Amino acid sequence: MNTASITSAWVAGWTVSRGTPPAVVEPWGYRIHVGLPRHPFRHVLPHPDAASVGRLCAAITEPYAWLKVMATPEEVAPWITEGWTIPDDPGFMMTKKLDPAARPAPPDGYARTTETDEGVIRVRILAPDGTLAARGQIAPTGETAVADQIETDPAHRRRGLGANVMRTLEAAAAQAGAETGVLAATTDGMALYDSLDWYYRGPLTGIVRAA
């Protein structure tokens, strides 16, 4: 997959995962109406440059609007205008060939549930006391599926729960017909995804309009 196809797959799956309207195709990429108070819109640029980013920064005045650009923070910083900031944590686009058979049992004492609702597969791992220990979701959209919102409670980390959630999601998406997984990793998530053979495909930098 090239940058354009990875971005297209990520946008399609992300909108399904988050329950937003489908993205609107623009000359510079995609516009997503997220509709949250601190995240009203998201603008995704697969091939950003100084001109396209500068025009969007000048045109968008709504507080907390986001740009997501496939470039490093160092590349992006000179392009943005007053009123826009780059958060500290960069992002990383990753892909993986999905395996329908890779579904291990949860660790001893933990229980796992898998549910599908409106095209989104959700996995939850419950601790012995019934509280939520780890979770995640994946949205298949044809040949690709986007993994999203992978979280492990701090009290239950380093027990393989994140890996268990991911492998369960990967298998479920593959069984639903997806061949390739796509995700946007944080710095904290990179170690987990690297260990599960996800492949780094390029940078993803967020830019947010200040209030």
N, C-alpha and C. Protein backbone atom coordinates (compact mmCIF):
# COMPACT_ATOMS: atom_id res chain seq x y z
N MET A 1 0.84 -1.19 0.00
CA MET A 1 0.00 0.00 0.00
C MET A 1 0.88 1.25 0.00
N ASN A 2 0.52 2.23 -0.82
CA ASN A 2 1.24 3.49 -0.81
C ASN A 2 0.58 4.46 0.18
N THR A 3 1.15 5.66 0.31
CA THR A 3 0.63 6.62 1.29
C THR A 3 -0.82 6.97 1.03
N ALA A 4 -1.17 7.16 -0.24
CA ALA A 4 -2.55 7.54 -0.55
C ALA A 4 -3.53 6.43 -0.17
N SER A 5 -3.20 5.18 -0.47
CA SER A 5 -4.13 4.09 -0.16
C SER A 5 -4.20 3.82 1.34
N ILE A 6 -3.07 3.97 2.04
CA ILE A 6 -3.09 3.81 3.49
C ILE A 6 -3.96 4.87 4.13
N THR A 7 -3.80 6.11 3.67
CA THR A 7 -4.60 7.21 4.23
C THR A 7 -6.08 7.00 3.94
N SER A 8 -6.41 6.62 2.72
CA SER A 8 -7.81 6.38 2.37
C SER A 8 -8.42 5.29 3.24
N ALA A 9 -7.66 4.20 3.44
CA ALA A 9 -8.16 3.10 4.27
C ALA A 9 -8.33 3.55 5.71
N TRP A 10 -7.37 4.31 6.22
CA TRP A 10 -7.45 4.78 7.60
C TRP A 10 -8.64 5.70 7.80
N VAL A 11 -8.85 6.61 6.88
CA VAL A 11 -9.99 7.54 6.99
C VAL A 11 -11.31 6.76 6.97
N ALA A 12 -11.42 5.82 6.05
CA ALA A 12 -12.67 5.05 5.94
C ALA A 12 -12.95 4.27 7.21
N GLY A 13 -11.93 3.60 7.74
CA GLY A 13 -12.14 2.81 8.95
C GLY A 13 -12.33 3.66 10.19
N TRP A 14 -11.60 4.78 10.26
CA TRP A 14 -11.73 5.66 11.43
C TRP A 14 -13.13 6.23 11.54
N THR A 15 -13.72 6.63 10.43
CA THR A 15 -15.07 7.19 10.48
C THR A 15 -16.09 6.14 10.93
N VAL A 16 -15.91 4.91 10.50
CA VAL A 16 -16.81 3.85 10.96
C VAL A 16 -16.59 3.59 12.45
N SER A 17 -15.33 3.50 12.86
CA SER A 17 -15.00 3.23 14.26
C SER A 17 -15.58 4.29 15.18
N ARG A 18 -15.50 5.56 14.77
CA ARG A 18 -15.96 6.65 15.64
C ARG A 18 -17.41 7.04 15.40
N GLY A 19 -18.07 6.42 14.44
CA GLY A 19 -19.48 6.70 14.20
C GLY A 19 -19.75 8.08 13.62
N THR A 20 -18.81 8.60 12.83
CA THR A 20 -19.00 9.90 12.19
C THR A 20 -19.59 9.71 10.80
N PRO A 21 -20.07 10.78 10.17
CA PRO A 21 -20.45 10.66 8.76
C PRO A 21 -19.23 10.31 7.91
N PRO A 22 -19.45 9.74 6.72
CA PRO A 22 -18.31 9.46 5.84
C PRO A 22 -17.52 10.73 5.53
N ALA A 23 -16.23 10.56 5.31
CA ALA A 23 -15.38 11.71 5.00
C ALA A 23 -15.76 12.34 3.68
N VAL A 24 -15.57 13.65 3.60
CA VAL A 24 -15.77 14.39 2.36
C VAL A 24 -14.43 14.52 1.66
N VAL A 25 -14.37 14.13 0.40
CA VAL A 25 -13.11 14.22 -0.35
C VAL A 25 -12.89 15.67 -0.79
N GLU A 26 -11.71 16.18 -0.50
CA GLU A 26 -11.31 17.53 -0.87
C GLU A 26 -10.08 17.48 -1.76
N PRO A 27 -9.74 18.57 -2.46
CA PRO A 27 -8.53 18.55 -3.30
C PRO A 27 -7.26 18.20 -2.53
N TRP A 28 -7.20 18.57 -1.24
CA TRP A 28 -6.01 18.34 -0.43
C TRP A 28 -6.09 17.04 0.38
N GLY A 29 -7.25 16.36 0.37
CA GLY A 29 -7.36 15.14 1.16
C GLY A 29 -8.79 14.86 1.59
N TYR A 30 -9.05 14.82 2.90
CA TYR A 30 -10.35 14.43 3.44
C TYR A 30 -10.76 15.35 4.59
N ARG A 31 -12.04 15.63 4.66
CA ARG A 31 -12.60 16.40 5.77
C ARG A 31 -13.63 15.53 6.48
N ILE A 32 -13.49 15.42 7.79
CA ILE A 32 -14.37 14.58 8.60
C ILE A 32 -15.08 15.45 9.63
N HIS A 33 -16.40 15.38 9.65
CA HIS A 33 -17.19 16.08 10.67
C HIS A 33 -17.27 15.17 11.89
N VAL A 34 -16.45 15.45 12.90
CA VAL A 34 -16.42 14.62 14.11
C VAL A 34 -17.54 14.99 15.06
N GLY A 35 -17.78 16.31 15.22
CA GLY A 35 -18.93 16.76 15.99
C GLY A 35 -18.77 16.80 17.49
N LEU A 36 -17.53 16.73 17.99
CA LEU A 36 -17.31 16.81 19.44
C LEU A 36 -16.92 18.24 19.82
N PRO A 37 -17.22 18.66 21.05
CA PRO A 37 -16.91 20.04 21.45
C PRO A 37 -15.44 20.41 21.28
N ARG A 38 -14.54 19.49 21.58
CA ARG A 38 -13.12 19.76 21.46
C ARG A 38 -12.48 19.07 20.25
N HIS A 39 -13.33 18.65 19.35
CA HIS A 39 -12.85 18.01 18.11
C HIS A 39 -13.96 18.10 17.06
N PRO A 40 -14.30 19.31 16.61
CA PRO A 40 -15.43 19.45 15.70
C PRO A 40 -15.17 18.88 14.31
N PHE A 41 -13.97 19.13 13.79
CA PHE A 41 -13.61 18.67 12.45
C PHE A 41 -12.21 18.07 12.47
N ARG A 42 -11.98 17.18 11.53
CA ARG A 42 -10.64 16.62 11.30
C ARG A 42 -10.37 16.71 9.80
N HIS A 43 -9.22 17.25 9.46
CA HIS A 43 -8.81 17.39 8.06
C HIS A 43 -7.57 16.54 7.85
N VAL A 44 -7.60 15.60 6.95
CA VAL A 44 -6.51 14.63 6.77
C VAL A 44 -5.84 14.89 5.42
N LEU A 45 -4.51 15.10 5.47
CA LEU A 45 -3.74 15.42 4.26
C LEU A 45 -2.71 14.33 4.00
N PRO A 46 -2.92 13.49 2.98
CA PRO A 46 -1.96 12.42 2.70
C PRO A 46 -0.66 12.92 2.11
N HIS A 47 -0.70 14.05 1.40
CA HIS A 47 0.51 14.60 0.76
C HIS A 47 0.62 16.09 1.11
N PRO A 48 0.90 16.40 2.36
CA PRO A 48 0.91 17.81 2.79
C PRO A 48 2.12 18.56 2.26
N ASP A 49 1.95 19.86 2.09
CA ASP A 49 3.06 20.74 1.78
C ASP A 49 2.78 22.10 2.41
N ALA A 50 3.73 23.00 2.32
CA ALA A 50 3.60 24.29 2.98
C ALA A 50 2.38 25.05 2.49
N ALA A 51 2.11 24.99 1.19
CA ALA A 51 0.99 25.75 0.62
C ALA A 51 -0.35 25.22 1.11
N SER A 52 -0.57 23.91 1.06
CA SER A 52 -1.87 23.35 1.44
C SER A 52 -2.12 23.50 2.93
N VAL A 53 -1.11 23.24 3.74
CA VAL A 53 -1.27 23.39 5.19
C VAL A 53 -1.48 24.87 5.54
N GLY A 54 -0.72 25.75 4.92
CA GLY A 54 -0.87 27.18 5.20
C GLY A 54 -2.25 27.71 4.85
N ARG A 55 -2.79 27.26 3.72
CA ARG A 55 -4.13 27.72 3.32
C ARG A 55 -5.19 27.24 4.31
N LEU A 56 -5.08 25.99 4.74
CA LEU A 56 -6.07 25.49 5.69
C LEU A 56 -5.94 26.20 7.04
N CYS A 57 -4.73 26.43 7.49
CA CYS A 57 -4.54 27.14 8.75
C CYS A 57 -5.15 28.54 8.68
N ALA A 58 -5.02 29.18 7.54
CA ALA A 58 -5.56 30.53 7.39
C ALA A 58 -7.09 30.53 7.29
N ALA A 59 -7.64 29.48 6.68
CA ALA A 59 -9.08 29.46 6.43
C ALA A 59 -9.90 28.96 7.61
N ILE A 60 -9.32 28.09 8.44
CA ILE A 60 -10.07 27.47 9.54
C ILE A 60 -9.88 28.28 10.81
N THR A 61 -10.98 28.74 11.36
CA THR A 61 -10.92 29.55 12.59
C THR A 61 -11.62 28.89 13.77
N GLU A 62 -12.29 27.77 13.54
CA GLU A 62 -13.04 27.13 14.61
C GLU A 62 -12.10 26.52 15.65
N PRO A 63 -12.27 26.84 16.93
CA PRO A 63 -11.39 26.28 17.97
C PRO A 63 -11.44 24.76 17.99
N TYR A 64 -10.29 24.17 18.23
CA TYR A 64 -10.13 22.72 18.39
C TYR A 64 -10.32 21.93 17.09
N ALA A 65 -10.36 22.60 15.94
CA ALA A 65 -10.31 21.87 14.68
C ALA A 65 -8.93 21.25 14.53
N TRP A 66 -8.88 20.10 13.88
CA TRP A 66 -7.62 19.37 13.74
C TRP A 66 -7.22 19.21 12.28
N LEU A 67 -5.92 19.21 12.06
CA LEU A 67 -5.33 18.71 10.82
C LEU A 67 -4.52 17.48 11.18
N LYS A 68 -4.61 16.45 10.36
CA LYS A 68 -3.76 15.27 10.51
C LYS A 68 -2.99 15.13 9.20
N VAL A 69 -1.67 15.26 9.27
CA VAL A 69 -0.86 15.31 8.06
C VAL A 69 0.20 14.21 8.09
N MET A 70 0.44 13.63 6.92
CA MET A 70 1.42 12.56 6.81
C MET A 70 2.82 13.16 6.60
N ALA A 71 3.34 13.72 7.69
CA ALA A 71 4.66 14.33 7.70
C ALA A 71 5.12 14.41 9.15
N THR A 72 6.41 14.64 9.35
CA THR A 72 6.94 14.71 10.71
C THR A 72 6.65 16.06 11.34
N PRO A 73 6.66 16.14 12.68
CA PRO A 73 6.48 17.45 13.33
C PRO A 73 7.51 18.48 12.87
N GLU A 74 8.73 18.03 12.62
CA GLU A 74 9.78 18.94 12.19
C GLU A 74 9.48 19.52 10.82
N GLU A 75 8.91 18.72 9.95
CA GLU A 75 8.53 19.21 8.62
C GLU A 75 7.36 20.19 8.71
N VAL A 76 6.41 19.87 9.57
CA VAL A 76 5.16 20.62 9.64
C VAL A 76 5.32 21.96 10.33
N ALA A 77 6.17 22.03 11.35
CA ALA A 77 6.26 23.22 12.20
C ALA A 77 6.40 24.53 11.42
N PRO A 78 7.23 24.61 10.37
CA PRO A 78 7.35 25.88 9.64
C PRO A 78 6.12 26.24 8.80
N TRP A 79 5.22 25.29 8.59
CA TRP A 79 4.07 25.53 7.71
C TRP A 79 2.88 26.14 8.43
N ILE A 80 2.77 25.94 9.75
CA ILE A 80 1.57 26.36 10.45
C ILE A 80 1.63 27.86 10.77
N THR A 81 0.45 28.44 10.96
CA THR A 81 0.36 29.87 11.23
C THR A 81 -0.04 30.11 12.68
N GLU A 82 -0.09 31.36 13.07
CA GLU A 82 -0.42 31.72 14.44
C GLU A 82 -1.81 31.17 14.82
N GLY A 83 -1.89 30.64 16.02
CA GLY A 83 -3.14 30.07 16.49
C GLY A 83 -3.21 28.56 16.40
N TRP A 84 -2.22 27.95 15.76
CA TRP A 84 -2.17 26.50 15.63
C TRP A 84 -0.98 25.96 16.41
N THR A 85 -1.15 24.78 17.00
CA THR A 85 -0.07 24.15 17.74
C THR A 85 0.05 22.68 17.36
N ILE A 86 1.22 22.11 17.62
CA ILE A 86 1.47 20.69 17.39
C ILE A 86 1.62 20.02 18.75
N PRO A 87 0.72 19.13 19.14
CA PRO A 87 0.85 18.44 20.43
C PRO A 87 2.16 17.67 20.51
N ASP A 88 2.54 17.34 21.74
CA ASP A 88 3.85 16.73 21.97
C ASP A 88 3.98 15.33 21.39
N ASP A 89 2.91 14.54 21.41
CA ASP A 89 3.02 13.12 21.04
C ASP A 89 2.81 12.94 19.54
N PRO A 90 3.84 12.55 18.78
CA PRO A 90 3.65 12.32 17.35
C PRO A 90 2.92 11.01 17.10
N GLY A 91 2.49 10.81 15.85
CA GLY A 91 1.81 9.59 15.48
C GLY A 91 2.58 8.84 14.41
N PHE A 92 2.24 7.58 14.23
CA PHE A 92 2.95 6.71 13.30
C PHE A 92 1.94 5.80 12.59
N MET A 93 1.89 5.88 11.28
CA MET A 93 1.00 5.00 10.53
C MET A 93 1.64 3.63 10.41
N MET A 94 0.81 2.58 10.63
CA MET A 94 1.33 1.21 10.60
C MET A 94 0.32 0.31 9.89
N THR A 95 0.84 -0.76 9.29
CA THR A 95 -0.02 -1.74 8.64
C THR A 95 0.45 -3.15 8.98
N LYS A 96 -0.44 -4.11 8.74
CA LYS A 96 -0.10 -5.51 8.98
C LYS A 96 -1.01 -6.42 8.18
N LYS A 97 -0.47 -7.50 7.68
CA LYS A 97 -1.28 -8.54 7.05
C LYS A 97 -1.98 -9.31 8.15
N LEU A 98 -3.29 -9.43 8.06
CA LEU A 98 -4.08 -10.00 9.14
C LEU A 98 -4.16 -11.52 9.04
N ASP A 99 -4.15 -12.18 10.19
CA ASP A 99 -4.19 -13.63 10.28
C ASP A 99 -5.49 -14.05 10.96
N PRO A 100 -6.37 -14.75 10.25
CA PRO A 100 -7.66 -15.13 10.86
C PRO A 100 -7.53 -16.15 11.98
N ALA A 101 -6.36 -16.80 12.11
CA ALA A 101 -6.21 -17.86 13.11
C ALA A 101 -5.54 -17.37 14.39
N ALA A 102 -5.03 -16.13 14.39
CA ALA A 102 -4.24 -15.67 15.54
C ALA A 102 -5.13 -15.15 16.64
N ARG A 103 -5.70 -16.06 17.42
CA ARG A 103 -6.61 -15.66 18.49
C ARG A 103 -6.30 -16.47 19.75
N PRO A 104 -5.38 -16.00 20.61
CA PRO A 104 -5.03 -16.74 21.83
C PRO A 104 -6.10 -16.59 22.90
N ALA A 105 -6.08 -17.49 23.86
CA ALA A 105 -6.98 -17.37 25.00
C ALA A 105 -6.52 -16.22 25.88
N PRO A 106 -7.43 -15.61 26.64
CA PRO A 106 -7.01 -14.55 27.56
C PRO A 106 -6.18 -15.14 28.70
N PRO A 107 -5.39 -14.32 29.38
CA PRO A 107 -4.61 -14.82 30.52
C PRO A 107 -5.51 -15.41 31.60
N ASP A 108 -4.92 -16.28 32.40
CA ASP A 108 -5.68 -16.92 33.48
C ASP A 108 -6.31 -15.87 34.38
N GLY A 109 -7.57 -16.09 34.71
CA GLY A 109 -8.29 -15.21 35.60
C GLY A 109 -9.04 -14.09 34.90
N TYR A 110 -8.74 -13.86 33.64
CA TYR A 110 -9.38 -12.79 32.88
C TYR A 110 -10.42 -13.38 31.93
N ALA A 111 -11.44 -12.61 31.65
CA ALA A 111 -12.50 -13.02 30.72
C ALA A 111 -12.55 -12.04 29.56
N ARG A 112 -12.82 -12.55 28.36
CA ARG A 112 -12.84 -11.71 27.17
C ARG A 112 -14.20 -11.78 26.48
N THR A 113 -14.66 -10.63 26.02
CA THR A 113 -15.88 -10.58 25.23
C THR A 113 -15.58 -9.94 23.88
N THR A 114 -16.28 -10.38 22.86
CA THR A 114 -16.16 -9.81 21.52
C THR A 114 -17.56 -9.54 21.00
N GLU A 115 -17.81 -8.30 20.61
CA GLU A 115 -19.13 -7.90 20.11
C GLU A 115 -18.96 -7.08 18.84
N THR A 116 -19.94 -7.17 17.95
CA THR A 116 -19.94 -6.36 16.74
C THR A 116 -21.21 -5.53 16.70
N ASP A 117 -21.04 -4.22 16.48
CA ASP A 117 -22.18 -3.31 16.45
C ASP A 117 -21.92 -2.25 15.38
N GLU A 118 -22.83 -2.16 14.42
CA GLU A 118 -22.74 -1.18 13.34
C GLU A 118 -21.39 -1.20 12.65
N GLY A 119 -20.92 -2.39 12.39
CA GLY A 119 -19.69 -2.56 11.63
C GLY A 119 -18.40 -2.46 12.43
N VAL A 120 -18.50 -2.27 13.73
CA VAL A 120 -17.32 -2.13 14.59
C VAL A 120 -17.22 -3.36 15.50
N ILE A 121 -16.07 -4.01 15.48
CA ILE A 121 -15.81 -5.15 16.34
C ILE A 121 -15.12 -4.63 17.60
N ARG A 122 -15.70 -4.93 18.76
CA ARG A 122 -15.16 -4.44 20.04
C ARG A 122 -14.77 -5.62 20.92
N VAL A 123 -13.58 -5.54 21.47
CA VAL A 123 -13.07 -6.57 22.38
C VAL A 123 -12.84 -5.94 23.75
N ARG A 124 -13.30 -6.61 24.77
CA ARG A 124 -13.10 -6.17 26.16
C ARG A 124 -12.53 -7.34 26.95
N ILE A 125 -11.55 -7.05 27.79
CA ILE A 125 -11.01 -8.04 28.72
C ILE A 125 -11.32 -7.58 30.13
N LEU A 126 -11.99 -8.44 30.88
CA LEU A 126 -12.41 -8.11 32.24
C LEU A 126 -11.49 -8.78 33.25
N ALA A 127 -11.16 -8.03 34.29
CA ALA A 127 -10.33 -8.55 35.38
C ALA A 127 -11.14 -9.54 36.22
N PRO A 128 -10.48 -10.30 37.09
CA PRO A 128 -11.21 -11.26 37.94
C PRO A 128 -12.33 -10.63 38.76
N ASP A 129 -12.20 -9.32 39.10
CA ASP A 129 -13.27 -8.68 39.86
C ASP A 129 -14.36 -8.07 38.98
N GLY A 130 -14.27 -8.30 37.67
CA GLY A 130 -15.30 -7.84 36.75
C GLY A 130 -15.07 -6.45 36.18
N THR A 131 -14.03 -5.76 36.61
CA THR A 131 -13.76 -4.43 36.07
C THR A 131 -13.04 -4.53 34.73
N LEU A 132 -13.12 -3.45 33.97
CA LEU A 132 -12.51 -3.43 32.64
C LEU A 132 -11.00 -3.30 32.77
N ALA A 133 -10.27 -4.27 32.21
CA ALA A 133 -8.81 -4.26 32.27
C ALA A 133 -8.18 -3.78 30.96
N ALA A 134 -8.80 -4.11 29.83
CA ALA A 134 -8.26 -3.72 28.53
C ALA A 134 -9.38 -3.73 27.51
N ARG A 135 -9.21 -2.94 26.46
CA ARG A 135 -10.24 -2.87 25.43
C ARG A 135 -9.63 -2.42 24.13
N GLY A 136 -10.42 -2.56 23.05
CA GLY A 136 -10.02 -2.06 21.75
C GLY A 136 -11.11 -2.35 20.75
N GLN A 137 -11.00 -1.74 19.59
CA GLN A 137 -11.99 -1.97 18.54
C GLN A 137 -11.33 -1.91 17.18
N ILE A 138 -12.01 -2.49 16.20
CA ILE A 138 -11.49 -2.49 14.83
C ILE A 138 -12.68 -2.40 13.88
N ALA A 139 -12.49 -1.64 12.81
CA ALA A 139 -13.57 -1.41 11.85
C ALA A 139 -13.15 -1.92 10.48
N PRO A 140 -13.65 -3.08 10.06
CA PRO A 140 -13.36 -3.56 8.71
C PRO A 140 -14.16 -2.78 7.67
N THR A 141 -13.51 -2.38 6.60
CA THR A 141 -14.18 -1.71 5.48
C THR A 141 -13.66 -2.32 4.19
N GLY A 142 -14.14 -3.51 3.89
CA GLY A 142 -13.66 -4.21 2.70
C GLY A 142 -12.36 -4.94 2.97
N GLU A 143 -11.34 -4.68 2.18
CA GLU A 143 -10.07 -5.39 2.30
C GLU A 143 -9.20 -4.90 3.45
N THR A 144 -9.54 -3.76 4.03
CA THR A 144 -8.75 -3.22 5.13
C THR A 144 -9.61 -3.05 6.38
N ALA A 145 -8.93 -2.96 7.53
CA ALA A 145 -9.62 -2.76 8.80
C ALA A 145 -8.76 -1.86 9.67
N VAL A 146 -9.38 -0.90 10.34
CA VAL A 146 -8.65 0.07 11.15
C VAL A 146 -8.83 -0.25 12.63
N ALA A 147 -7.71 -0.53 13.31
CA ALA A 147 -7.71 -0.73 14.75
C ALA A 147 -7.68 0.63 15.45
N ASP A 148 -8.41 0.73 16.57
CA ASP A 148 -8.63 2.05 17.16
C ASP A 148 -8.90 1.91 18.66
N GLN A 149 -8.51 2.94 19.41
CA GLN A 149 -8.82 3.04 20.84
C GLN A 149 -8.38 1.80 21.63
N ILE A 150 -7.14 1.41 21.43
CA ILE A 150 -6.58 0.28 22.17
C ILE A 150 -6.08 0.79 23.51
N GLU A 151 -6.62 0.26 24.59
CA GLU A 151 -6.29 0.78 25.92
C GLU A 151 -6.15 -0.37 26.91
N THR A 152 -5.18 -0.23 27.82
CA THR A 152 -5.05 -1.15 28.95
C THR A 152 -5.00 -0.33 30.23
N ASP A 153 -5.80 -0.70 31.21
CA ASP A 153 -5.79 0.00 32.49
C ASP A 153 -4.39 -0.11 33.10
N PRO A 154 -3.86 1.00 33.65
CA PRO A 154 -2.50 0.96 34.21
C PRO A 154 -2.29 -0.15 35.23
N ALA A 155 -3.32 -0.50 35.98
CA ALA A 155 -3.18 -1.53 37.00
C ALA A 155 -3.01 -2.93 36.41
N HIS A 156 -3.27 -3.07 35.12
CA HIS A 156 -3.22 -4.40 34.49
C HIS A 156 -2.21 -4.48 33.35
N ARG A 157 -1.29 -3.54 33.30
CA ARG A 157 -0.29 -3.56 32.23
C ARG A 157 0.80 -4.60 32.50
N ARG A 158 1.53 -4.92 31.44
CA ARG A 158 2.62 -5.90 31.48
C ARG A 158 2.12 -7.31 31.81
N ARG A 159 0.90 -7.60 31.38
CA ARG A 159 0.35 -8.95 31.55
C ARG A 159 -0.10 -9.54 30.22
N GLY A 160 0.24 -8.87 29.12
CA GLY A 160 -0.12 -9.37 27.81
C GLY A 160 -1.53 -9.06 27.36
N LEU A 161 -2.22 -8.18 28.09
CA LEU A 161 -3.61 -7.92 27.74
C LEU A 161 -3.73 -7.12 26.44
N GLY A 162 -2.86 -6.14 26.26
CA GLY A 162 -2.91 -5.37 25.02
C GLY A 162 -2.68 -6.23 23.81
N ALA A 163 -1.71 -7.13 23.90
CA ALA A 163 -1.43 -8.05 22.79
C ALA A 163 -2.62 -8.97 22.56
N ASN A 164 -3.25 -9.42 23.64
CA ASN A 164 -4.40 -10.30 23.50
C ASN A 164 -5.55 -9.59 22.81
N VAL A 165 -5.81 -8.34 23.19
CA VAL A 165 -6.85 -7.56 22.53
C VAL A 165 -6.53 -7.41 21.05
N MET A 166 -5.30 -7.04 20.73
CA MET A 166 -4.92 -6.81 19.33
C MET A 166 -5.06 -8.08 18.50
N ARG A 167 -4.55 -9.18 19.00
CA ARG A 167 -4.62 -10.43 18.21
C ARG A 167 -6.07 -10.88 18.02
N THR A 168 -6.89 -10.65 19.01
CA THR A 168 -8.31 -11.00 18.89
C THR A 168 -8.98 -10.11 17.85
N LEU A 169 -8.68 -8.82 17.87
CA LEU A 169 -9.24 -7.90 16.88
C LEU A 169 -8.75 -8.26 15.47
N GLU A 170 -7.48 -8.54 15.34
CA GLU A 170 -6.91 -8.88 14.04
C GLU A 170 -7.61 -10.11 13.45
N ALA A 171 -7.78 -11.15 14.27
CA ALA A 171 -8.42 -12.37 13.79
C ALA A 171 -9.87 -12.12 13.41
N ALA A 172 -10.58 -11.37 14.23
CA ALA A 172 -11.99 -11.10 13.95
C ALA A 172 -12.14 -10.31 12.66
N ALA A 173 -11.27 -9.32 12.43
CA ALA A 173 -11.34 -8.54 11.20
C ALA A 173 -11.01 -9.39 9.99
N ALA A 174 -10.03 -10.27 10.12
CA ALA A 174 -9.68 -11.16 9.01
C ALA A 174 -10.83 -12.10 8.69
N GLN A 175 -11.48 -12.61 9.73
CA GLN A 175 -12.62 -13.50 9.51
C GLN A 175 -13.80 -12.75 8.88
N ALA A 176 -13.82 -11.41 9.04
CA ALA A 176 -14.86 -10.59 8.41
C ALA A 176 -14.50 -10.21 6.99
N GLY A 177 -13.33 -10.65 6.51
CA GLY A 177 -12.96 -10.42 5.12
C GLY A 177 -11.83 -9.44 4.89
N ALA A 178 -11.34 -8.78 5.93
CA ALA A 178 -10.25 -7.84 5.77
C ALA A 178 -8.92 -8.58 5.63
N GLU A 179 -8.05 -8.05 4.81
CA GLU A 179 -6.73 -8.65 4.59
C GLU A 179 -5.61 -7.87 5.24
N THR A 180 -5.77 -6.55 5.36
CA THR A 180 -4.71 -5.69 5.88
C THR A 180 -5.24 -4.82 7.01
N GLY A 181 -4.50 -4.77 8.11
CA GLY A 181 -4.84 -3.88 9.19
C GLY A 181 -4.10 -2.56 9.06
N VAL A 182 -4.74 -1.50 9.49
CA VAL A 182 -4.16 -0.15 9.47
C VAL A 182 -4.42 0.49 10.83
N LEU A 183 -3.44 1.21 11.35
CA LEU A 183 -3.66 1.95 12.59
C LEU A 183 -2.73 3.14 12.66
N ALA A 184 -3.10 4.09 13.51
CA ALA A 184 -2.26 5.23 13.83
C ALA A 184 -1.77 5.05 15.26
N ALA A 185 -0.48 4.81 15.43
CA ALA A 185 0.08 4.52 16.74
C ALA A 185 0.57 5.78 17.43
N THR A 186 0.49 5.78 18.75
CA THR A 186 1.15 6.79 19.56
C THR A 186 2.55 6.29 19.90
N THR A 187 3.34 7.16 20.52
CA THR A 187 4.67 6.74 20.94
C THR A 187 4.58 5.59 21.93
N ASP A 188 3.64 5.67 22.87
CA ASP A 188 3.48 4.61 23.86
C ASP A 188 3.07 3.29 23.23
N GLY A 189 2.26 3.35 22.16
CA GLY A 189 1.77 2.14 21.54
C GLY A 189 2.74 1.46 20.60
N MET A 190 3.79 2.16 20.19
CA MET A 190 4.71 1.61 19.18
C MET A 190 5.33 0.28 19.61
N ALA A 191 5.73 0.18 20.88
CA ALA A 191 6.39 -1.04 21.34
C ALA A 191 5.46 -2.24 21.22
N LEU A 192 4.18 -2.06 21.59
CA LEU A 192 3.21 -3.14 21.47
C LEU A 192 3.05 -3.56 20.02
N TYR A 193 2.83 -2.60 19.13
CA TYR A 193 2.57 -2.94 17.74
C TYR A 193 3.80 -3.52 17.06
N ASP A 194 4.98 -3.02 17.40
CA ASP A 194 6.21 -3.61 16.87
C ASP A 194 6.31 -5.09 17.26
N SER A 195 5.97 -5.39 18.51
CA SER A 195 6.07 -6.77 18.98
C SER A 195 5.08 -7.70 18.29
N LEU A 196 4.02 -7.11 17.70
CA LEU A 196 2.99 -7.89 17.03
C LEU A 196 3.14 -7.85 15.51
N ASP A 197 4.32 -7.40 15.06
CA ASP A 197 4.67 -7.41 13.63
C ASP A 197 3.88 -6.42 12.79
N TRP A 198 3.46 -5.32 13.40
CA TRP A 198 2.93 -4.22 12.60
C TRP A 198 4.11 -3.46 12.01
N TYR A 199 3.93 -2.97 10.79
CA TYR A 199 5.02 -2.38 10.03
C TYR A 199 4.83 -0.86 9.93
N TYR A 200 5.85 -0.12 10.31
CA TYR A 200 5.81 1.34 10.23
C TYR A 200 5.79 1.79 8.77
N ARG A 201 4.83 2.67 8.43
CA ARG A 201 4.69 3.12 7.05
C ARG A 201 4.89 4.62 6.86
N GLY A 202 4.98 5.38 7.94
CA GLY A 202 5.22 6.81 7.79
C GLY A 202 4.70 7.60 8.97
N PRO A 203 5.10 8.87 9.07
CA PRO A 203 4.70 9.72 10.20
C PRO A 203 3.28 10.25 10.04
N LEU A 204 2.70 10.60 11.17
CA LEU A 204 1.37 11.22 11.20
C LEU A 204 1.40 12.29 12.28
N THR A 205 1.30 13.55 11.89
CA THR A 205 1.38 14.64 12.85
C THR A 205 0.03 15.34 12.99
N GLY A 206 -0.39 15.56 14.23
CA GLY A 206 -1.60 16.30 14.51
C GLY A 206 -1.32 17.77 14.73
N ILE A 207 -2.20 18.62 14.22
CA ILE A 207 -2.11 20.06 14.39
C ILE A 207 -3.49 20.54 14.86
N VAL A 208 -3.55 21.30 15.93
CA VAL A 208 -4.83 21.68 16.48
C VAL A 208 -4.94 23.21 16.58
N ARG A 209 -6.14 23.70 16.29
CA ARG A 209 -6.42 25.13 16.40
C ARG A 209 -6.69 25.47 17.87
N ALA A 210 -6.01 26.46 18.39
CA ALA A 210 -6.19 26.85 19.79
C ALA A 210 -7.56 27.50 20.00
N ALA A 211 -8.00 27.51 21.24
CA ALA A 211 -9.29 28.11 21.57
C ALA A 211 -9.25 29.61 21.39
